Amino acid sequence: MARDKSFHDYVVYDVMGDMQGITSKAMFSGWGIYKNGVIFAIIIEGELYFKAGKDATDFKNISGSHPFVYSRKDGKKIMMSYWLIPEEILENKEKLYSLIKKRA
């Protein structure tokens, strides 16, 4: 799947544009999102996922959030420790920035 540059630009420049230290790098079929050089999120398949680490409690309590899962070539499903950030969180900078500060 091709990268969705418009969603990337919306997230990095519009949503997170006033937060210091936010950068991005193309990776695989998406982007890694960094704060002060530390990866805390990925954009893949037109969706934003935040790194949960060992404790995904913050994300389990967000309606519509779920872990990022991909299928390997052999069909095995791999669940990563990145959780979907739903649109209502993207539109609420206070909640979004609170989640970022906990991760980066």
C-alpha atoms as a PDB file:
ATOM      1  CA  MET A   1       0.000   0.000   0.000  1.00  0.00           C
ATOM      2  CA  ALA A   2       1.290   3.468  -0.884  1.00  0.00           C
ATOM      3  CA  ARG A   3       1.968   5.982   1.850  1.00  0.00           C
ATOM      4  CA  ASP A   4      -0.846   8.459   2.526  1.00  0.00           C
ATOM      5  CA  LYS A   5       1.146  11.702   2.504  1.00  0.00           C
ATOM      6  CA  SER A   6      -1.934  13.849   3.142  1.00  0.00           C
ATOM      7  CA  PHE A   7      -2.714  12.069   6.433  1.00  0.00           C
ATOM      8  CA  HIS A   8       0.954  12.250   7.442  1.00  0.00           C
ATOM      9  CA  ASP A   9       1.029  15.997   6.771  1.00  0.00           C
ATOM     10  CA  TYR A  10      -2.231  16.513   8.674  1.00  0.00           C
ATOM     11  CA  VAL A  11      -0.892  14.673  11.748  1.00  0.00           C
ATOM     12  CA  VAL A  12       2.667  16.056  11.752  1.00  0.00           C
ATOM     13  CA  TYR A  13       2.021  19.632  10.640  1.00  0.00           C
ATOM     14  CA  ASP A  14      -1.585  20.423  11.593  1.00  0.00           C
ATOM     15  CA  VAL A  15      -2.264  18.318  14.687  1.00  0.00           C
ATOM     16  CA  MET A  16       1.249  18.210  16.215  1.00  0.00           C
ATOM     17  CA  GLY A  17       2.733  21.239  14.470  1.00  0.00           C
ATOM     18  CA  ASP A  18       2.922  23.449  17.558  1.00  0.00           C
ATOM     19  CA  MET A  19       4.608  20.777  19.709  1.00  0.00           C
ATOM     20  CA  GLN A  20       8.387  21.187  19.917  1.00  0.00           C
ATOM     21  CA  GLY A  21      10.657  18.395  18.705  1.00  0.00           C
ATOM     22  CA  ILE A  22       8.223  16.495  16.439  1.00  0.00           C
ATOM     23  CA  THR A  23       9.825  14.913  13.365  1.00  0.00           C
ATOM     24  CA  SER A  24       9.017  12.009  11.066  1.00  0.00           C
ATOM     25  CA  LYS A  25      10.866   9.489   8.922  1.00  0.00           C
ATOM     26  CA  ALA A  26       9.550   7.285   6.146  1.00  0.00           C
ATOM     27  CA  MET A  27       9.724   3.617   7.090  1.00  0.00           C
ATOM     28  CA  PHE A  28       8.310   0.511   5.430  1.00  0.00           C
ATOM     29  CA  SER A  29       4.916   1.581   4.050  1.00  0.00           C
ATOM     30  CA  GLY A  30       4.403   4.393   6.564  1.00  0.00           C
ATOM     31  CA  TRP A  31       6.264   6.762   8.874  1.00  0.00           C
ATOM     32  CA  GLY A  32       7.822   6.778  12.297  1.00  0.00           C
ATOM     33  CA  ILE A  33       6.898   9.839  14.398  1.00  0.00           C
ATOM     34  CA  TYR A  34       9.513  11.097  16.850  1.00  0.00           C
ATOM     35  CA  LYS A  35       9.706  13.619  19.683  1.00  0.00           C
ATOM     36  CA  ASN A  36      13.231  14.817  20.349  1.00  0.00           C
ATOM     37  CA  GLY A  37      14.590  11.817  18.458  1.00  0.00           C
ATOM     38  CA  VAL A  38      12.568   9.161  20.321  1.00  0.00           C
ATOM     39  CA  ILE A  39       9.968   7.223  18.344  1.00  0.00           C
ATOM     40  CA  PHE A  40       6.549   7.288  19.989  1.00  0.00           C
ATOM     41  CA  ALA A  41       4.164   6.672  17.090  1.00  0.00           C
ATOM     42  CA  ILE A  42       3.745   5.256  13.615  1.00  0.00           C
ATOM     43  CA  ILE A  43       1.487   6.153  10.746  1.00  0.00           C
ATOM     44  CA  ILE A  44       0.575   3.135   8.687  1.00  0.00           C
ATOM     45  CA  GLU A  45      -2.301   2.405   6.330  1.00  0.00           C
ATOM     46  CA  GLY A  46      -3.655   5.918   6.927  1.00  0.00           C
ATOM     47  CA  GLU A  47      -3.921   5.511  10.697  1.00  0.00           C
ATOM     48  CA  LEU A  48      -1.958   6.827  13.678  1.00  0.00           C
ATOM     49  CA  TYR A  49      -0.736   4.401  16.343  1.00  0.00           C
ATOM     50  CA  PHE A  50       1.054   5.303  19.588  1.00  0.00           C
ATOM     51  CA  LYS A  51       3.655   3.086  21.228  1.00  0.00           C
ATOM     52  CA  ALA A  52       2.194   1.580  24.381  1.00  0.00           C
ATOM     53  CA  GLY A  53       5.244  -0.129  25.817  1.00  0.00           C
ATOM     54  CA  LYS A  54       4.570  -2.688  28.535  1.00  0.00           C
ATOM     55  CA  ASP A  55       1.391  -1.023  29.815  1.00  0.00           C
ATOM     56  CA  ALA A  56      -1.394  -0.413  27.309  1.00  0.00           C
ATOM     57  CA  THR A  57      -3.925   0.633  29.969  1.00  0.00           C
ATOM     58  CA  ASP A  58      -4.279   4.165  28.548  1.00  0.00           C
ATOM     59  CA  PHE A  59      -5.277   2.720  25.183  1.00  0.00           C
ATOM     60  CA  LYS A  60      -7.496  -0.096  26.429  1.00  0.00           C
ATOM     61  CA  ASN A  61      -9.661   2.620  27.993  1.00  0.00           C
ATOM     62  CA  ILE A  62     -10.037   4.567  24.714  1.00  0.00           C
ATOM     63  CA  SER A  63     -13.109   3.550  22.739  1.00  0.00           C
ATOM     64  CA  GLY A  64     -12.139   2.412  19.252  1.00  0.00           C
ATOM     65  CA  SER A  65      -8.464   1.871  20.028  1.00  0.00           C
ATOM     66  CA  HIS A  66      -6.836  -1.466  19.244  1.00  0.00           C
ATOM     67  CA  PRO A  67      -3.299  -2.758  18.715  1.00  0.00           C
ATOM     68  CA  PHE A  68      -1.652  -2.719  15.307  1.00  0.00           C
ATOM     69  CA  VAL A  69      -1.631  -6.224  13.805  1.00  0.00           C
ATOM     70  CA  TYR A  70       0.006  -7.268  10.565  1.00  0.00           C
ATOM     71  CA  SER A  71       0.279 -10.553   8.705  1.00  0.00           C
ATOM     72  CA  ARG A  72       3.625 -12.059   7.809  1.00  0.00           C
ATOM     73  CA  LYS A  73       4.147 -13.692   4.430  1.00  0.00           C
ATOM     74  CA  ASP A  74       3.448 -17.086   6.024  1.00  0.00           C
ATOM     75  CA  GLY A  75       0.045 -15.793   7.216  1.00  0.00           C
ATOM     76  CA  LYS A  76       0.968 -15.583  10.891  1.00  0.00           C
ATOM     77  CA  LYS A  77      -0.528 -12.499  12.591  1.00  0.00           C
ATOM     78  CA  ILE A  78       1.864 -10.327  14.597  1.00  0.00           C
ATOM     79  CA  MET A  79       0.534  -7.911  17.221  1.00  0.00           C
ATOM     80  CA  MET A  80       2.744  -4.923  17.960  1.00  0.00           C
ATOM     81  CA  SER A  81       2.736  -2.654  21.008  1.00  0.00           C
ATOM     82  CA  TYR A  82       1.329   0.264  19.005  1.00  0.00           C
ATOM     83  CA  TRP A  83      -2.315   1.239  19.597  1.00  0.00           C
ATOM     84  CA  LEU A  84      -4.687   3.129  17.298  1.00  0.00           C
ATOM     85  CA  ILE A  85      -5.434   6.763  18.099  1.00  0.00           C
ATOM     86  CA  PRO A  86      -9.082   7.316  17.118  1.00  0.00           C
ATOM     87  CA  GLU A  87     -10.241  10.497  15.398  1.00  0.00           C
ATOM     88  CA  GLU A  88     -11.856  11.946  18.532  1.00  0.00           C
ATOM     89  CA  ILE A  89      -8.448  11.907  20.264  1.00  0.00           C
ATOM     90  CA  LEU A  90      -6.756  13.455  17.200  1.00  0.00           C
ATOM     91  CA  GLU A  91      -9.242  16.314  17.450  1.00  0.00           C
ATOM     92  CA  ASN A  92      -8.614  16.845  21.186  1.00  0.00           C
ATOM     93  CA  LYS A  93      -5.117  18.319  21.507  1.00  0.00           C
ATOM     94  CA  GLU A  94      -5.188  18.238  25.312  1.00  0.00           C
ATOM     95  CA  LYS A  95      -5.769  14.461  25.404  1.00  0.00           C
ATOM     96  CA  LEU A  96      -3.436  13.830  22.477  1.00  0.00           C
ATOM     97  CA  TYR A  97      -0.585  15.864  23.962  1.00  0.00           C
ATOM     98  CA  SER A  98      -1.075  14.142  27.321  1.00  0.00           C
ATOM     99  CA  LEU A  99      -0.588  10.759  25.612  1.00  0.00           C
ATOM    100  CA  ILE A 100       2.493  12.042  23.760  1.00  0.00           C
ATOM    101  CA  LYS A 101       4.104  13.396  26.944  1.00  0.00           C
ATOM    102  CA  LYS A 102       3.735   9.979  28.599  1.00  0.00           C
ATOM    103  CA  ARG A 103       5.598   8.332  25.720  1.00  0.00           C
ATOM    104  CA  ALA A 104       8.308  10.729  24.633  1.00  0.00           C
END
